[in-house]
Each structure stands twice: as structure tokens, then as C-alpha cells.
Amino acid sequence: MHKAGIPLPNDQVNADDVKAVQAMSEKLWKMDLAEQRVALAVLISLCDCIVWWTQRHK
């Protein structure tokens, strides 16, 4: 996403650390709405590809 000009927060977060998860969530929600939508579209596409390849190899 950085190459596309959309910087994503990428802090190390431990799933057991509730405050760190909340802080990362706040950073993501503070992103510009258009950037959020692009990042979500890329993530959805990646997940779709992973599912497709997983099913293809079974």
C-alpha cells in the first residue's frame, strides 16, 4: 500500500494486549475514508485469492 501512496499503520500488536489493539484500531479509523476503502478492497481481493488457491489445491 505504501507504493500506492497509502500509508497503513503497522504497529506490532499482541492480541492479548487490549489497549494496543484499541490504539491500532483508532489509527485505522482515523485514516482518510477513500484510503480506508482502497485498503479494504485490496484486503478483500487478497483474501479471495487465498481462498481460491486453497480450494484449487485441494
N, C-alpha and C. Protein backbone atom coordinates (compact mmCIF):
# COMPACT_ATOMS: atom_id res chain seq x y z
N MET A 1 0.83 -1.18 0.00
CA MET A 1 0.00 0.00 0.00
C MET A 1 0.88 1.26 0.00
N HIS A 2 2.06 1.13 0.57
CA HIS A 2 2.96 2.28 0.63
C HIS A 2 3.33 2.75 -0.78
N LYS A 3 3.56 1.79 -1.68
CA LYS A 3 3.91 2.16 -3.05
C LYS A 3 2.78 2.89 -3.75
N ALA A 4 1.55 2.62 -3.33
CA ALA A 4 0.38 3.28 -3.92
C ALA A 4 0.12 4.63 -3.27
N GLY A 5 0.93 4.98 -2.28
CA GLY A 5 0.76 6.27 -1.62
C GLY A 5 -0.23 6.24 -0.47
N ILE A 6 -0.54 5.05 0.00
CA ILE A 6 -1.47 4.90 1.12
C ILE A 6 -0.72 4.27 2.29
N PRO A 7 -0.27 5.10 3.21
CA PRO A 7 0.46 4.55 4.35
C PRO A 7 -0.50 3.90 5.36
N LEU A 8 -0.22 2.66 5.70
CA LEU A 8 -1.02 1.96 6.69
C LEU A 8 -0.25 1.90 8.00
N PRO A 9 -0.93 2.10 9.12
CA PRO A 9 -0.26 1.90 10.40
C PRO A 9 0.14 0.43 10.51
N ASN A 10 1.33 0.17 11.01
CA ASN A 10 1.83 -1.19 11.07
C ASN A 10 2.55 -1.43 12.38
N ASP A 11 1.89 -1.13 13.47
CA ASP A 11 2.49 -1.33 14.78
C ASP A 11 2.44 -2.81 15.15
N GLN A 12 3.42 -3.26 15.94
CA GLN A 12 3.38 -4.61 16.47
C GLN A 12 2.29 -4.66 17.54
N VAL A 13 1.34 -5.57 17.37
CA VAL A 13 0.23 -5.67 18.31
C VAL A 13 0.09 -7.11 18.76
N ASN A 14 0.05 -7.28 20.06
CA ASN A 14 -0.21 -8.60 20.64
C ASN A 14 -1.72 -8.69 20.88
N ALA A 15 -2.35 -9.76 20.43
CA ALA A 15 -3.80 -9.90 20.54
C ALA A 15 -4.27 -9.88 21.99
N ASP A 16 -3.39 -10.20 22.92
CA ASP A 16 -3.77 -10.20 24.34
C ASP A 16 -3.70 -8.81 24.96
N ASP A 17 -3.08 -7.87 24.28
CA ASP A 17 -2.93 -6.51 24.79
C ASP A 17 -4.07 -5.65 24.25
N VAL A 18 -5.14 -5.53 25.03
CA VAL A 18 -6.36 -4.86 24.60
C VAL A 18 -6.10 -3.40 24.26
N LYS A 19 -5.29 -2.73 25.04
CA LYS A 19 -5.03 -1.31 24.79
C LYS A 19 -4.28 -1.10 23.47
N ALA A 20 -3.34 -1.99 23.16
CA ALA A 20 -2.61 -1.88 21.91
C ALA A 20 -3.53 -2.13 20.72
N VAL A 21 -4.43 -3.09 20.86
CA VAL A 21 -5.39 -3.38 19.79
C VAL A 21 -6.31 -2.19 19.58
N GLN A 22 -6.78 -1.59 20.66
CA GLN A 22 -7.64 -0.42 20.56
C GLN A 22 -6.90 0.76 19.92
N ALA A 23 -5.65 0.94 20.28
CA ALA A 23 -4.86 2.04 19.72
C ALA A 23 -4.67 1.84 18.21
N MET A 24 -4.41 0.61 17.80
CA MET A 24 -4.25 0.33 16.37
C MET A 24 -5.58 0.53 15.65
N SER A 25 -6.66 0.12 16.26
CA SER A 25 -7.98 0.31 15.67
C SER A 25 -8.28 1.80 15.47
N GLU A 26 -7.93 2.60 16.45
CA GLU A 26 -8.15 4.05 16.33
C GLU A 26 -7.34 4.64 15.18
N LYS A 27 -6.10 4.17 15.02
CA LYS A 27 -5.27 4.66 13.92
C LYS A 27 -5.89 4.32 12.57
N LEU A 28 -6.43 3.10 12.46
CA LEU A 28 -7.05 2.69 11.21
C LEU A 28 -8.31 3.51 10.92
N TRP A 29 -9.11 3.78 11.95
CA TRP A 29 -10.34 4.56 11.74
C TRP A 29 -10.06 6.02 11.47
N LYS A 30 -8.88 6.51 11.83
CA LYS A 30 -8.52 7.91 11.58
C LYS A 30 -8.01 8.13 10.16
N MET A 31 -7.81 7.04 9.41
CA MET A 31 -7.36 7.18 8.02
C MET A 31 -8.45 7.85 7.20
N ASP A 32 -8.04 8.48 6.12
CA ASP A 32 -8.98 9.09 5.19
C ASP A 32 -9.93 8.01 4.67
N LEU A 33 -11.20 8.35 4.49
CA LEU A 33 -12.21 7.39 4.08
C LEU A 33 -11.87 6.72 2.74
N ALA A 34 -11.38 7.48 1.80
CA ALA A 34 -11.01 6.91 0.50
C ALA A 34 -9.86 5.91 0.66
N GLU A 35 -8.89 6.24 1.51
CA GLU A 35 -7.77 5.33 1.75
C GLU A 35 -8.25 4.06 2.46
N GLN A 36 -9.20 4.21 3.38
CA GLN A 36 -9.77 3.03 4.05
C GLN A 36 -10.42 2.11 3.03
N ARG A 37 -11.17 2.67 2.12
CA ARG A 37 -11.88 1.87 1.12
C ARG A 37 -10.91 1.15 0.19
N VAL A 38 -9.84 1.83 -0.22
CA VAL A 38 -8.85 1.19 -1.09
C VAL A 38 -8.16 0.06 -0.33
N ALA A 39 -7.76 0.31 0.90
CA ALA A 39 -7.09 -0.72 1.69
C ALA A 39 -8.01 -1.92 1.91
N LEU A 40 -9.28 -1.67 2.18
CA LEU A 40 -10.22 -2.76 2.37
C LEU A 40 -10.44 -3.54 1.09
N ALA A 41 -10.51 -2.87 -0.04
CA ALA A 41 -10.68 -3.55 -1.33
C ALA A 41 -9.49 -4.45 -1.62
N VAL A 42 -8.29 -3.97 -1.33
CA VAL A 42 -7.09 -4.78 -1.54
C VAL A 42 -7.10 -5.99 -0.61
N LEU A 43 -7.47 -5.79 0.63
CA LEU A 43 -7.52 -6.89 1.60
C LEU A 43 -8.55 -7.94 1.18
N ILE A 44 -9.72 -7.50 0.73
CA ILE A 44 -10.75 -8.42 0.28
C ILE A 44 -10.26 -9.22 -0.92
N SER A 45 -9.61 -8.55 -1.85
CA SER A 45 -9.08 -9.22 -3.02
C SER A 45 -8.03 -10.26 -2.63
N LEU A 46 -7.16 -9.92 -1.71
CA LEU A 46 -6.14 -10.85 -1.24
C LEU A 46 -6.78 -12.08 -0.61
N CYS A 47 -7.77 -11.85 0.25
CA CYS A 47 -8.46 -12.98 0.90
C CYS A 47 -9.17 -13.86 -0.12
N ASP A 48 -9.81 -13.25 -1.11
CA ASP A 48 -10.46 -14.03 -2.17
C ASP A 48 -9.46 -14.89 -2.91
N CYS A 49 -8.29 -14.34 -3.20
CA CYS A 49 -7.25 -15.10 -3.89
C CYS A 49 -6.75 -16.26 -3.05
N ILE A 50 -6.56 -16.01 -1.77
CA ILE A 50 -6.09 -17.08 -0.87
C ILE A 50 -7.11 -18.20 -0.82
N VAL A 51 -8.39 -17.86 -0.70
CA VAL A 51 -9.44 -18.88 -0.68
C VAL A 51 -9.47 -19.64 -1.99
N TRP A 52 -9.37 -18.94 -3.12
CA TRP A 52 -9.42 -19.58 -4.44
C TRP A 52 -8.27 -20.58 -4.58
N TRP A 53 -7.05 -20.14 -4.24
CA TRP A 53 -5.89 -21.02 -4.38
C TRP A 53 -5.97 -22.20 -3.42
N THR A 54 -6.48 -21.96 -2.22
CA THR A 54 -6.62 -23.05 -1.26
C THR A 54 -7.57 -24.11 -1.78
N GLN A 55 -8.71 -23.67 -2.33
CA GLN A 55 -9.68 -24.61 -2.87
C GLN A 55 -9.15 -25.28 -4.13
N ARG A 56 -8.38 -24.58 -4.90
CA ARG A 56 -7.85 -25.13 -6.14
C ARG A 56 -6.87 -26.27 -5.87
N HIS A 57 -6.08 -26.16 -4.80
CA HIS A 57 -5.07 -27.16 -4.50
C HIS A 57 -5.61 -28.36 -3.72
N LYS A 58 -6.86 -28.31 -3.32
CA LYS A 58 -7.43 -29.45 -2.57
C LYS A 58 -7.92 -30.51 -3.49
